[in-house]
Amino acid sequence: MSQRFNARAAAAAGVTVLFWASAFVSIRDAGQYLDPGPLTLGRMSVATVILLAFWALRREGLPGRRAWPGIVTAGVLWFGVYMVSLNWGEQLVDAGTAALVVNIGPILMALLGGWFLKEGFAPRLFIGMAVSFAGVLVVSLSMSGEGATSVRGVLLCLVAAITYAIGVVAQKPTLRYASPLQFTTFGCAIAAVLCLPFAPALASELGDAPASASLHVLFLGVFPTAVAFITWAYALKFTTAGKMGATTYVVPALVVLMSWVFLDEVPGWLTLAGGVLCLLGVAVSRSRSRSRAAADVGAAVPREVEPDTSAAPPSR
């Protein structure tokens, strides 16, 4: 039974990674026609309608009282501020660059998880942080020749990474009191309500945009949001946030490949070098001594993990 659940969790993580990678490309293309706020409202509204219907069919009821602080935190920061920041950032930098910067999130989660979830700090965490932020500086430097606008895009992606990290750290303990469906449904609903002031702009921009813009909104709401956030939460129930984060290391590579195929965009060499530094820092922050790794392997038993049982730093 445990092995079957473990296989399902791995499959859920794979679905999440694929859809989240595709979201960067879809956002970049949709950004030609939709501003950041309206795009967030459209995406969250589509996701909320689908998730509420599924939630009603499953009759799961409302989350427990203890779940609401985490759901509200994620709804505001992860489903709300993160989405707007990423949408805005991708209007100023290409999708591959955005993915490279946002994926420093695992280090920020490691730091927050060590403090708030008592998951401990990896020995090389702070070295990894220094390496990753050096990578962000290199990415910013690579964009400086394209003007302040591109640098602002990098900073917006950094804001997205920070809010995303807070959201994931809030999510882990919340899943003790709410199902993945409840967490995602009401998190999206909160973000959609907060973005309602963008409704007139959304209606106007969709009216002037080609049909592809509406298709992007539908795609983002259904797959990278309604489906992917549930599969992420499901997988997170059976492992630590840190181990889940390792699965997203491939997201930037997938985004660069998809951007090249669908958008004919590839980050410059200096930008890619900075992105590699970002990911290298994440890898360094999660590395352990051979003796520690061997002990962890020997003690590993597939099971559902509670928030305070892992010493590994959390990441996306």
C-alpha atoms as a PDB file:
ATOM      1  CA  MET A   1       0.000   0.000   0.000  1.00  0.00           C
ATOM      2  CA  SER A   2       2.771   2.461   0.930  1.00  0.00           C
ATOM      3  CA  GLN A   3       4.671   1.741  -2.263  1.00  0.00           C
ATOM      4  CA  ARG A   4       1.559   2.317  -4.356  1.00  0.00           C
ATOM      5  CA  PHE A   5       0.947   5.671  -2.670  1.00  0.00           C
ATOM      6  CA  ASN A   6       4.603   6.555  -3.174  1.00  0.00           C
ATOM      7  CA  ALA A   7       4.321   5.832  -6.910  1.00  0.00           C
ATOM      8  CA  ARG A   8       1.181   7.942  -7.125  1.00  0.00           C
ATOM      9  CA  ALA A   9       2.935  10.810  -5.367  1.00  0.00           C
ATOM     10  CA  ALA A  10       5.818  10.611  -7.850  1.00  0.00           C
ATOM     11  CA  ALA A  11       3.381  10.664 -10.778  1.00  0.00           C
ATOM     12  CA  ALA A  12       1.564  13.640  -9.239  1.00  0.00           C
ATOM     13  CA  ALA A  13       4.865  15.505  -8.894  1.00  0.00           C
ATOM     14  CA  GLY A  14       5.668  14.807 -12.554  1.00  0.00           C
ATOM     15  CA  VAL A  15       2.307  16.194 -13.699  1.00  0.00           C
ATOM     16  CA  THR A  16       2.883  19.292 -11.578  1.00  0.00           C
ATOM     17  CA  VAL A  17       6.321  19.946 -13.040  1.00  0.00           C
ATOM     18  CA  LEU A  18       5.114  19.592 -16.627  1.00  0.00           C
ATOM     19  CA  PHE A  19       2.125  21.907 -16.214  1.00  0.00           C
ATOM     20  CA  TRP A  20       4.022  24.509 -14.189  1.00  0.00           C
ATOM     21  CA  ALA A  21       6.730  24.632 -16.836  1.00  0.00           C
ATOM     22  CA  SER A  22       4.117  25.141 -19.542  1.00  0.00           C
ATOM     23  CA  ALA A  23       2.583  27.972 -17.497  1.00  0.00           C
ATOM     24  CA  PHE A  24       5.694  30.146 -17.918  1.00  0.00           C
ATOM     25  CA  VAL A  25       5.390  29.877 -21.699  1.00  0.00           C
ATOM     26  CA  SER A  26       1.628  30.442 -21.722  1.00  0.00           C
ATOM     27  CA  ILE A  27       1.932  33.505 -19.451  1.00  0.00           C
ATOM     28  CA  ARG A  28       4.637  34.982 -21.668  1.00  0.00           C
ATOM     29  CA  ASP A  29       2.472  34.667 -24.771  1.00  0.00           C
ATOM     30  CA  ALA A  30      -0.728  35.837 -23.056  1.00  0.00           C
ATOM     31  CA  GLY A  31       1.119  38.878 -21.728  1.00  0.00           C
ATOM     32  CA  GLN A  32       1.073  40.368 -25.215  1.00  0.00           C
ATOM     33  CA  TYR A  33      -2.668  40.972 -24.800  1.00  0.00           C
ATOM     34  CA  LEU A  34      -3.488  40.901 -21.077  1.00  0.00           C
ATOM     35  CA  ASP A  35      -2.105  42.956 -18.213  1.00  0.00           C
ATOM     36  CA  PRO A  36      -0.821  41.152 -15.087  1.00  0.00           C
ATOM     37  CA  GLY A  37      -3.869  41.779 -12.875  1.00  0.00           C
ATOM     38  CA  PRO A  38      -6.548  40.840 -15.415  1.00  0.00           C
ATOM     39  CA  LEU A  39      -4.606  37.733 -16.418  1.00  0.00           C
ATOM     40  CA  THR A  40      -4.437  36.653 -12.772  1.00  0.00           C
ATOM     41  CA  LEU A  41      -8.164  37.255 -12.328  1.00  0.00           C
ATOM     42  CA  GLY A  42      -9.004  35.232 -15.436  1.00  0.00           C
ATOM     43  CA  ARG A  43      -6.759  32.347 -14.422  1.00  0.00           C
ATOM     44  CA  MET A  44      -7.997  32.238 -10.805  1.00  0.00           C
ATOM     45  CA  SER A  45     -11.644  32.580 -11.839  1.00  0.00           C
ATOM     46  CA  VAL A  46     -11.473  29.652 -14.247  1.00  0.00           C
ATOM     47  CA  ALA A  47      -9.667  27.545 -11.664  1.00  0.00           C
ATOM     48  CA  THR A  48     -12.118  28.495  -8.900  1.00  0.00           C
ATOM     49  CA  VAL A  49     -15.204  27.575 -10.937  1.00  0.00           C
ATOM     50  CA  ILE A  50     -13.776  24.161 -11.847  1.00  0.00           C
ATOM     51  CA  LEU A  51     -12.501  23.444  -8.350  1.00  0.00           C
ATOM     52  CA  LEU A  52     -15.716  24.524  -6.630  1.00  0.00           C
ATOM     53  CA  ALA A  53     -17.703  22.207  -8.891  1.00  0.00           C
ATOM     54  CA  PHE A  54     -15.371  19.301  -8.110  1.00  0.00           C
ATOM     55  CA  TRP A  55     -15.410  20.176  -4.391  1.00  0.00           C
ATOM     56  CA  ALA A  56     -19.232  20.177  -4.393  1.00  0.00           C
ATOM     57  CA  LEU A  57     -19.369  16.808  -6.166  1.00  0.00           C
ATOM     58  CA  ARG A  58     -16.997  15.277  -3.641  1.00  0.00           C
ATOM     59  CA  ARG A  59     -18.918  16.817  -0.726  1.00  0.00           C
ATOM     60  CA  GLU A  60     -15.750  17.481   1.231  1.00  0.00           C
ATOM     61  CA  GLY A  61     -17.270  20.366   3.180  1.00  0.00           C
ATOM     62  CA  LEU A  62     -15.389  23.359   4.508  1.00  0.00           C
ATOM     63  CA  PRO A  63     -11.814  23.061   5.783  1.00  0.00           C
ATOM     64  CA  GLY A  64     -11.265  22.881   9.521  1.00  0.00           C
ATOM     65  CA  ARG A  65     -10.806  26.086  11.504  1.00  0.00           C
ATOM     66  CA  ARG A  66      -7.086  25.479  11.894  1.00  0.00           C
ATOM     67  CA  ALA A  67      -6.637  25.292   8.129  1.00  0.00           C
ATOM     68  CA  TRP A  68      -7.840  28.813   7.358  1.00  0.00           C
ATOM     69  CA  PRO A  69      -4.734  30.802   8.389  1.00  0.00           C
ATOM     70  CA  GLY A  70      -2.621  28.774   5.961  1.00  0.00           C
ATOM     71  CA  ILE A  71      -5.253  28.900   3.206  1.00  0.00           C
ATOM     72  CA  VAL A  72      -5.607  32.676   3.524  1.00  0.00           C
ATOM     73  CA  THR A  73      -1.827  33.152   3.549  1.00  0.00           C
ATOM     74  CA  ALA A  74      -1.423  31.045   0.409  1.00  0.00           C
ATOM     75  CA  GLY A  75      -4.473  32.618  -1.239  1.00  0.00           C
ATOM     76  CA  VAL A  76      -3.103  36.122  -0.816  1.00  0.00           C
ATOM     77  CA  LEU A  77       0.581  35.498  -1.413  1.00  0.00           C
ATOM     78  CA  TRP A  78       0.912  32.355  -3.562  1.00  0.00           C
ATOM     79  CA  PHE A  79      -2.274  32.416  -5.626  1.00  0.00           C
ATOM     80  CA  GLY A  80      -2.453  36.216  -5.624  1.00  0.00           C
ATOM     81  CA  VAL A  81       0.754  38.251  -5.315  1.00  0.00           C
ATOM     82  CA  TYR A  82       2.917  35.508  -6.850  1.00  0.00           C
ATOM     83  CA  MET A  83       0.701  35.285  -9.935  1.00  0.00           C
ATOM     84  CA  VAL A  84       0.553  39.043 -10.491  1.00  0.00           C
ATOM     85  CA  SER A  85       4.316  39.442  -9.948  1.00  0.00           C
ATOM     86  CA  LEU A  86       5.147  36.585 -12.310  1.00  0.00           C
ATOM     87  CA  ASN A  87       2.739  37.823 -14.987  1.00  0.00           C
ATOM     88  CA  TRP A  88       4.234  41.298 -14.750  1.00  0.00           C
ATOM     89  CA  GLY A  89       7.800  40.013 -14.710  1.00  0.00           C
ATOM     90  CA  GLU A  90       7.229  37.918 -17.817  1.00  0.00           C
ATOM     91  CA  GLN A  91       6.117  40.982 -19.723  1.00  0.00           C
ATOM     92  CA  LEU A  92       9.612  42.368 -19.145  1.00  0.00           C
ATOM     93  CA  VAL A  93      11.854  39.283 -19.424  1.00  0.00           C
ATOM     94  CA  ASP A  94      11.559  36.045 -21.406  1.00  0.00           C
ATOM     95  CA  ALA A  95       9.958  32.918 -19.939  1.00  0.00           C
ATOM     96  CA  GLY A  96      13.249  31.053 -19.486  1.00  0.00           C
ATOM     97  CA  THR A  97      14.816  33.895 -17.492  1.00  0.00           C
ATOM     98  CA  ALA A  98      11.700  34.138 -15.312  1.00  0.00           C
ATOM     99  CA  ALA A  99      11.807  30.408 -14.570  1.00  0.00           C
ATOM    100  CA  LEU A 100      15.502  30.543 -13.673  1.00  0.00           C
ATOM    101  CA  VAL A 101      14.970  33.345 -11.154  1.00  0.00           C
ATOM    102  CA  VAL A 102      11.747  31.991  -9.626  1.00  0.00           C
ATOM    103  CA  ASN A 103      13.427  28.653  -8.976  1.00  0.00           C
ATOM    104  CA  ILE A 104      15.599  30.107  -6.236  1.00  0.00           C
ATOM    105  CA  GLY A 105      12.405  29.566  -4.251  1.00  0.00           C
ATOM    106  CA  PRO A 106      13.684  26.272  -2.755  1.00  0.00           C
ATOM    107  CA  ILE A 107      16.414  28.081  -0.813  1.00  0.00           C
ATOM    108  CA  LEU A 108      13.959  30.620   0.563  1.00  0.00           C
ATOM    109  CA  MET A 109      11.670  27.754   1.569  1.00  0.00           C
ATOM    110  CA  ALA A 110      14.566  26.013   3.256  1.00  0.00           C
ATOM    111  CA  LEU A 111      15.198  29.104   5.334  1.00  0.00           C
ATOM    112  CA  LEU A 112      11.534  29.622   6.221  1.00  0.00           C
ATOM    113  CA  GLY A 113      10.941  25.918   6.787  1.00  0.00           C
ATOM    114  CA  GLY A 114      13.880  25.739   9.169  1.00  0.00           C
ATOM    115  CA  TRP A 115      12.416  28.537  11.233  1.00  0.00           C
ATOM    116  CA  PHE A 116       8.679  27.914  11.109  1.00  0.00           C
ATOM    117  CA  LEU A 117       8.317  24.178  10.414  1.00  0.00           C
ATOM    118  CA  LYS A 118      11.319  23.167  12.543  1.00  0.00           C
ATOM    119  CA  GLU A 119      12.702  21.133   9.621  1.00  0.00           C
ATOM    120  CA  GLY A 120      16.229  22.163  10.504  1.00  0.00           C
ATOM    121  CA  PHE A 121      18.911  23.845   8.416  1.00  0.00           C
ATOM    122  CA  ALA A 122      21.112  21.968   5.978  1.00  0.00           C
ATOM    123  CA  PRO A 123      24.830  22.478   6.739  1.00  0.00           C
ATOM    124  CA  ARG A 124      25.437  24.221   3.411  1.00  0.00           C
ATOM    125  CA  LEU A 125      22.212  26.252   3.312  1.00  0.00           C
ATOM    126  CA  PHE A 126      23.779  29.674   3.687  1.00  0.00           C
ATOM    127  CA  ILE A 127      26.567  28.905   1.206  1.00  0.00           C
ATOM    128  CA  GLY A 128      23.908  27.857  -1.265  1.00  0.00           C
ATOM    129  CA  MET A 129      21.965  31.054  -0.601  1.00  0.00           C
ATOM    130  CA  ALA A 130      25.034  33.143  -1.403  1.00  0.00           C
ATOM    131  CA  VAL A 131      25.615  31.233  -4.648  1.00  0.00           C
ATOM    132  CA  SER A 132      21.978  31.538  -5.737  1.00  0.00           C
ATOM    133  CA  PHE A 133      21.756  35.242  -5.050  1.00  0.00           C
ATOM    134  CA  ALA A 134      25.021  35.715  -6.907  1.00  0.00           C
ATOM    135  CA  GLY A 135      23.231  34.032  -9.787  1.00  0.00           C
ATOM    136  CA  VAL A 136      20.354  36.507  -9.502  1.00  0.00           C
ATOM    137  CA  LEU A 137      22.885  39.350  -9.661  1.00  0.00           C
ATOM    138  CA  VAL A 138      24.424  37.841 -12.791  1.00  0.00           C
ATOM    139  CA  VAL A 139      20.982  37.532 -14.385  1.00  0.00           C
ATOM    140  CA  SER A 140      20.255  41.157 -13.470  1.00  0.00           C
ATOM    141  CA  LEU A 141      23.611  42.221 -14.903  1.00  0.00           C
ATOM    142  CA  SER A 142      22.877  40.351 -18.118  1.00  0.00           C
ATOM    143  CA  MET A 143      19.624  42.308 -18.396  1.00  0.00           C
ATOM    144  CA  SER A 144      21.118  45.703 -17.560  1.00  0.00           C
ATOM    145  CA  GLY A 145      22.167  46.247 -21.174  1.00  0.00           C
ATOM    146  CA  GLU A 146      18.506  46.007 -22.157  1.00  0.00           C
ATOM    147  CA  GLY A 147      17.544  48.852 -19.824  1.00  0.00           C
ATOM    148  CA  ALA A 148      15.931  49.294 -16.424  1.00  0.00           C
ATOM    149  CA  THR A 149      12.751  47.605 -17.629  1.00  0.00           C
ATOM    150  CA  SER A 150      14.388  44.179 -17.891  1.00  0.00           C
ATOM    151  CA  VAL A 151      16.074  44.566 -14.494  1.00  0.00           C
ATOM    152  CA  ARG A 152      12.666  45.398 -13.040  1.00  0.00           C
ATOM    153  CA  GLY A 153      11.379  42.178 -14.585  1.00  0.00           C
ATOM    154  CA  VAL A 154      14.074  40.188 -12.768  1.00  0.00           C
ATOM    155  CA  LEU A 155      13.155  41.893  -9.478  1.00  0.00           C
ATOM    156  CA  LEU A 156       9.474  41.093 -10.020  1.00  0.00           C
ATOM    157  CA  CYS A 157      10.393  37.440 -10.556  1.00  0.00           C
ATOM    158  CA  LEU A 158      12.355  37.615  -7.306  1.00  0.00           C
ATOM    159  CA  VAL A 159       9.215  38.912  -5.541  1.00  0.00           C
ATOM    160  CA  ALA A 160       7.360  35.971  -7.093  1.00  0.00           C
ATOM    161  CA  ALA A 161       9.971  33.558  -5.687  1.00  0.00           C
ATOM    162  CA  ILE A 162       9.629  35.043  -2.192  1.00  0.00           C
ATOM    163  CA  THR A 163       5.826  34.926  -2.102  1.00  0.00           C
ATOM    164  CA  TYR A 164       5.826  31.455  -3.611  1.00  0.00           C
ATOM    165  CA  ALA A 165       8.201  30.273  -0.870  1.00  0.00           C
ATOM    166  CA  ILE A 166       5.992  31.685   1.868  1.00  0.00           C
ATOM    167  CA  GLY A 167       2.953  30.032   0.313  1.00  0.00           C
ATOM    168  CA  VAL A 168       4.527  26.577   0.179  1.00  0.00           C
ATOM    169  CA  VAL A 169       5.790  26.784   3.757  1.00  0.00           C
ATOM    170  CA  ALA A 170       2.290  27.807   4.871  1.00  0.00           C
ATOM    171  CA  GLN A 171       0.798  24.941   2.877  1.00  0.00           C
ATOM    172  CA  LYS A 172       2.684  22.063   4.460  1.00  0.00           C
ATOM    173  CA  PRO A 173       1.191  22.207   7.989  1.00  0.00           C
ATOM    174  CA  THR A 174      -2.192  23.288   6.604  1.00  0.00           C
ATOM    175  CA  LEU A 175      -2.556  19.930   4.854  1.00  0.00           C
ATOM    176  CA  ARG A 176      -2.999  18.343   8.285  1.00  0.00           C
ATOM    177  CA  TYR A 177      -6.370  20.074   8.554  1.00  0.00           C
ATOM    178  CA  ALA A 178      -7.494  20.414   4.922  1.00  0.00           C
ATOM    179  CA  SER A 179      -7.467  18.182   1.870  1.00  0.00           C
ATOM    180  CA  PRO A 180      -5.447  19.180  -1.216  1.00  0.00           C
ATOM    181  CA  LEU A 181      -8.736  19.970  -2.982  1.00  0.00           C
ATOM    182  CA  GLN A 182      -9.971  22.173  -0.147  1.00  0.00           C
ATOM    183  CA  PHE A 183      -6.663  24.019   0.091  1.00  0.00           C
ATOM    184  CA  THR A 184      -6.429  24.714  -3.640  1.00  0.00           C
ATOM    185  CA  THR A 185     -10.113  25.550  -4.112  1.00  0.00           C
ATOM    186  CA  PHE A 186     -10.347  28.150  -1.378  1.00  0.00           C
ATOM    187  CA  GLY A 187      -6.859  29.514  -2.017  1.00  0.00           C
ATOM    188  CA  CYS A 188      -7.840  30.210  -5.634  1.00  0.00           C
ATOM    189  CA  ALA A 189     -11.197  31.647  -4.542  1.00  0.00           C
ATOM    190  CA  ILE A 190      -9.496  34.096  -2.180  1.00  0.00           C
ATOM    191  CA  ALA A 191      -7.121  35.242  -4.932  1.00  0.00           C
ATOM    192  CA  ALA A 192      -9.991  35.607  -7.399  1.00  0.00           C
ATOM    193  CA  VAL A 193     -11.959  37.790  -4.961  1.00  0.00           C
ATOM    194  CA  LEU A 194      -8.903  39.971  -4.302  1.00  0.00           C
ATOM    195  CA  CYS A 195      -8.450  40.439  -8.062  1.00  0.00           C
ATOM    196  CA  LEU A 196     -12.073  41.396  -8.768  1.00  0.00           C
ATOM    197  CA  PRO A 197     -11.133  45.088  -9.242  1.00  0.00           C
ATOM    198  CA  PHE A 198      -9.432  43.946 -12.464  1.00  0.00           C
ATOM    199  CA  ALA A 199     -12.727  42.597 -13.887  1.00  0.00           C
ATOM    200  CA  PRO A 200     -13.514  45.597 -16.154  1.00  0.00           C
ATOM    201  CA  ALA A 201      -9.984  45.541 -17.579  1.00  0.00           C
ATOM    202  CA  LEU A 202     -10.197  41.779 -18.175  1.00  0.00           C
ATOM    203  CA  ALA A 203     -13.452  42.095 -20.092  1.00  0.00           C
ATOM    204  CA  SER A 204     -12.078  44.958 -22.181  1.00  0.00           C
ATOM    205  CA  GLU A 205      -8.747  43.303 -22.965  1.00  0.00           C
ATOM    206  CA  LEU A 206     -10.290  39.942 -23.864  1.00  0.00           C
ATOM    207  CA  GLY A 207     -12.701  41.752 -26.173  1.00  0.00           C
ATOM    208  CA  ASP A 208      -9.813  43.344 -28.064  1.00  0.00           C
ATOM    209  CA  ALA A 209      -7.501  40.315 -28.000  1.00  0.00           C
ATOM    210  CA  PRO A 210      -7.419  37.349 -30.405  1.00  0.00           C
ATOM    211  CA  ALA A 211      -8.990  34.048 -29.416  1.00  0.00           C
ATOM    212  CA  SER A 212      -5.585  32.720 -28.356  1.00  0.00           C
ATOM    213  CA  ALA A 213      -5.639  35.035 -25.311  1.00  0.00           C
ATOM    214  CA  SER A 214      -8.872  33.478 -24.063  1.00  0.00           C
ATOM    215  CA  LEU A 215      -7.452  30.011 -24.694  1.00  0.00           C
ATOM    216  CA  HIS A 216      -4.390  30.901 -22.622  1.00  0.00           C
ATOM    217  CA  VAL A 217      -6.628  32.005 -19.743  1.00  0.00           C
ATOM    218  CA  LEU A 218      -8.593  28.750 -19.920  1.00  0.00           C
ATOM    219  CA  PHE A 219      -5.429  26.655 -20.154  1.00  0.00           C
ATOM    220  CA  LEU A 220      -3.761  28.423 -17.212  1.00  0.00           C
ATOM    221  CA  GLY A 221      -6.864  28.081 -15.074  1.00  0.00           C
ATOM    222  CA  VAL A 222      -7.453  24.400 -15.810  1.00  0.00           C
ATOM    223  CA  PHE A 223      -4.046  22.750 -16.059  1.00  0.00           C
ATOM    224  CA  PRO A 224      -1.239  24.691 -14.307  1.00  0.00           C
ATOM    225  CA  THR A 225      -3.712  25.758 -11.585  1.00  0.00           C
ATOM    226  CA  ALA A 226      -6.722  23.490 -10.969  1.00  0.00           C
ATOM    227  CA  VAL A 227      -4.876  20.278 -11.872  1.00  0.00           C
ATOM    228  CA  ALA A 228      -1.266  21.063 -10.988  1.00  0.00           C
ATOM    229  CA  PHE A 229      -1.848  22.639  -7.584  1.00  0.00           C
ATOM    230  CA  ILE A 230      -3.923  19.648  -6.495  1.00  0.00           C
ATOM    231  CA  THR A 231      -1.328  17.154  -7.723  1.00  0.00           C
ATOM    232  CA  TRP A 232       1.369  19.192  -5.944  1.00  0.00           C
ATOM    233  CA  ALA A 233      -0.575  19.217  -2.665  1.00  0.00           C
ATOM    234  CA  TYR A 234      -1.340  15.501  -3.002  1.00  0.00           C
ATOM    235  CA  ALA A 235       2.319  14.626  -3.518  1.00  0.00           C
ATOM    236  CA  LEU A 236       3.377  16.943  -0.668  1.00  0.00           C
ATOM    237  CA  LYS A 237       1.274  14.920   1.771  1.00  0.00           C
ATOM    238  CA  PHE A 238       3.563  11.910   1.229  1.00  0.00           C
ATOM    239  CA  THR A 239       6.947  13.577   1.409  1.00  0.00           C
ATOM    240  CA  THR A 240       8.705  16.653   2.751  1.00  0.00           C
ATOM    241  CA  ALA A 241       8.572  20.060   1.112  1.00  0.00           C
ATOM    242  CA  GLY A 242      12.332  19.804   0.559  1.00  0.00           C
ATOM    243  CA  LYS A 243      12.149  16.535  -1.357  1.00  0.00           C
ATOM    244  CA  MET A 244       9.271  17.835  -3.442  1.00  0.00           C
ATOM    245  CA  GLY A 245      11.356  20.872  -4.276  1.00  0.00           C
ATOM    246  CA  ALA A 246      13.997  18.713  -5.893  1.00  0.00           C
ATOM    247  CA  THR A 247      11.482  17.656  -8.542  1.00  0.00           C
ATOM    248  CA  THR A 248      11.161  21.234  -9.802  1.00  0.00           C
ATOM    249  CA  TYR A 249      14.855  21.530 -10.695  1.00  0.00           C
ATOM    250  CA  VAL A 250      13.937  20.478 -14.214  1.00  0.00           C
ATOM    251  CA  VAL A 251      11.353  23.268 -14.646  1.00  0.00           C
ATOM    252  CA  PRO A 252      13.781  25.918 -16.003  1.00  0.00           C
ATOM    253  CA  ALA A 253      15.206  23.473 -18.553  1.00  0.00           C
ATOM    254  CA  LEU A 254      11.702  22.536 -19.708  1.00  0.00           C
ATOM    255  CA  VAL A 255      10.726  26.207 -19.911  1.00  0.00           C
ATOM    256  CA  VAL A 256      13.787  27.124 -22.002  1.00  0.00           C
ATOM    257  CA  LEU A 257      13.041  24.213 -24.346  1.00  0.00           C
ATOM    258  CA  MET A 258       9.334  25.083 -24.642  1.00  0.00           C
ATOM    259  CA  SER A 259      10.131  28.773 -25.153  1.00  0.00           C
ATOM    260  CA  TRP A 260      12.505  27.889 -27.955  1.00  0.00           C
ATOM    261  CA  VAL A 261       9.947  25.618 -29.638  1.00  0.00           C
ATOM    262  CA  PHE A 262       6.790  27.709 -29.197  1.00  0.00           C
ATOM    263  CA  LEU A 263       8.000  31.303 -28.792  1.00  0.00           C
ATOM    264  CA  ASP A 264      11.390  31.246 -30.528  1.00  0.00           C
ATOM    265  CA  GLU A 265      12.956  32.751 -27.378  1.00  0.00           C
ATOM    266  CA  VAL A 266      16.176  31.636 -25.720  1.00  0.00           C
ATOM    267  CA  PRO A 267      17.912  33.509 -22.859  1.00  0.00           C
ATOM    268  CA  GLY A 268      21.388  34.900 -23.573  1.00  0.00           C
ATOM    269  CA  TRP A 269      24.486  33.009 -22.470  1.00  0.00           C
ATOM    270  CA  LEU A 270      25.169  35.313 -19.505  1.00  0.00           C
ATOM    271  CA  THR A 271      21.557  34.952 -18.381  1.00  0.00           C
ATOM    272  CA  LEU A 272      21.799  31.169 -18.653  1.00  0.00           C
ATOM    273  CA  ALA A 273      25.064  31.239 -16.682  1.00  0.00           C
ATOM    274  CA  GLY A 274      23.358  33.226 -13.930  1.00  0.00           C
ATOM    275  CA  GLY A 275      20.458  30.785 -13.963  1.00  0.00           C
ATOM    276  CA  VAL A 276      22.852  27.858 -13.613  1.00  0.00           C
ATOM    277  CA  LEU A 277      24.359  29.623 -10.575  1.00  0.00           C
ATOM    278  CA  CYS A 278      20.852  29.982  -9.105  1.00  0.00           C
ATOM    279  CA  LEU A 279      20.174  26.256  -9.477  1.00  0.00           C
ATOM    280  CA  LEU A 280      23.685  25.336  -8.325  1.00  0.00           C
ATOM    281  CA  GLY A 281      23.067  27.293  -5.145  1.00  0.00           C
ATOM    282  CA  VAL A 282      19.861  25.346  -4.566  1.00  0.00           C
ATOM    283  CA  ALA A 283      21.742  22.070  -5.076  1.00  0.00           C
ATOM    284  CA  VAL A 284      24.522  23.149  -2.695  1.00  0.00           C
ATOM    285  CA  SER A 285      22.013  24.175  -0.050  1.00  0.00           C
ATOM    286  CA  ARG A 286      20.442  20.705  -0.163  1.00  0.00           C
ATOM    287  CA  SER A 287      23.672  18.693  -0.280  1.00  0.00           C
ATOM    288  CA  ARG A 288      24.706  16.560   2.682  1.00  0.00           C
ATOM    289  CA  SER A 289      27.664  14.523   3.763  1.00  0.00           C
ATOM    290  CA  ARG A 290      27.921  10.957   2.494  1.00  0.00           C
ATOM    291  CA  SER A 291      27.447   9.551   5.974  1.00  0.00           C
ATOM    292  CA  ARG A 292      24.274  11.569   6.495  1.00  0.00           C
ATOM    293  CA  ALA A 293      22.919  10.580   3.070  1.00  0.00           C
ATOM    294  CA  ALA A 294      23.653   6.911   3.739  1.00  0.00           C
ATOM    295  CA  ALA A 295      21.899   7.101   7.099  1.00  0.00           C
ATOM    296  CA  ASP A 296      18.846   8.703   5.492  1.00  0.00           C
ATOM    297  CA  VAL A 297      18.680   6.045   2.786  1.00  0.00           C
ATOM    298  CA  GLY A 298      18.948   3.270   5.333  1.00  0.00           C
ATOM    299  CA  ALA A 299      16.180   4.751   7.430  1.00  0.00           C
ATOM    300  CA  ALA A 300      13.846   5.625   4.569  1.00  0.00           C
ATOM    301  CA  VAL A 301      10.365   4.108   4.796  1.00  0.00           C
ATOM    302  CA  PRO A 302       7.569   5.212   2.433  1.00  0.00           C
ATOM    303  CA  ARG A 303       4.791   6.820   4.462  1.00  0.00           C
ATOM    304  CA  GLU A 304       2.668   9.934   4.755  1.00  0.00           C
ATOM    305  CA  VAL A 305       4.874  12.605   6.281  1.00  0.00           C
ATOM    306  CA  GLU A 306       3.727  15.083   8.914  1.00  0.00           C
ATOM    307  CA  PRO A 307       5.057  18.643   8.791  1.00  0.00           C
ATOM    308  CA  ASP A 308       7.639  18.259  11.546  1.00  0.00           C
ATOM    309  CA  THR A 309       9.200  14.929  10.630  1.00  0.00           C
ATOM    310  CA  SER A 310      11.792  15.978   8.074  1.00  0.00           C
ATOM    311  CA  ALA A 311      15.220  17.470   8.594  1.00  0.00           C
ATOM    312  CA  ALA A 312      15.513  18.253   4.916  1.00  0.00           C
ATOM    313  CA  PRO A 313      15.006  21.859   3.824  1.00  0.00           C
ATOM    314  CA  PRO A 314      11.772  22.479   1.952  1.00  0.00           C
ATOM    315  CA  SER A 315      11.628  23.677  -1.613  1.00  0.00           C
ATOM    316  CA  ARG A 316       9.211  23.879  -4.423  1.00  0.00           C
END
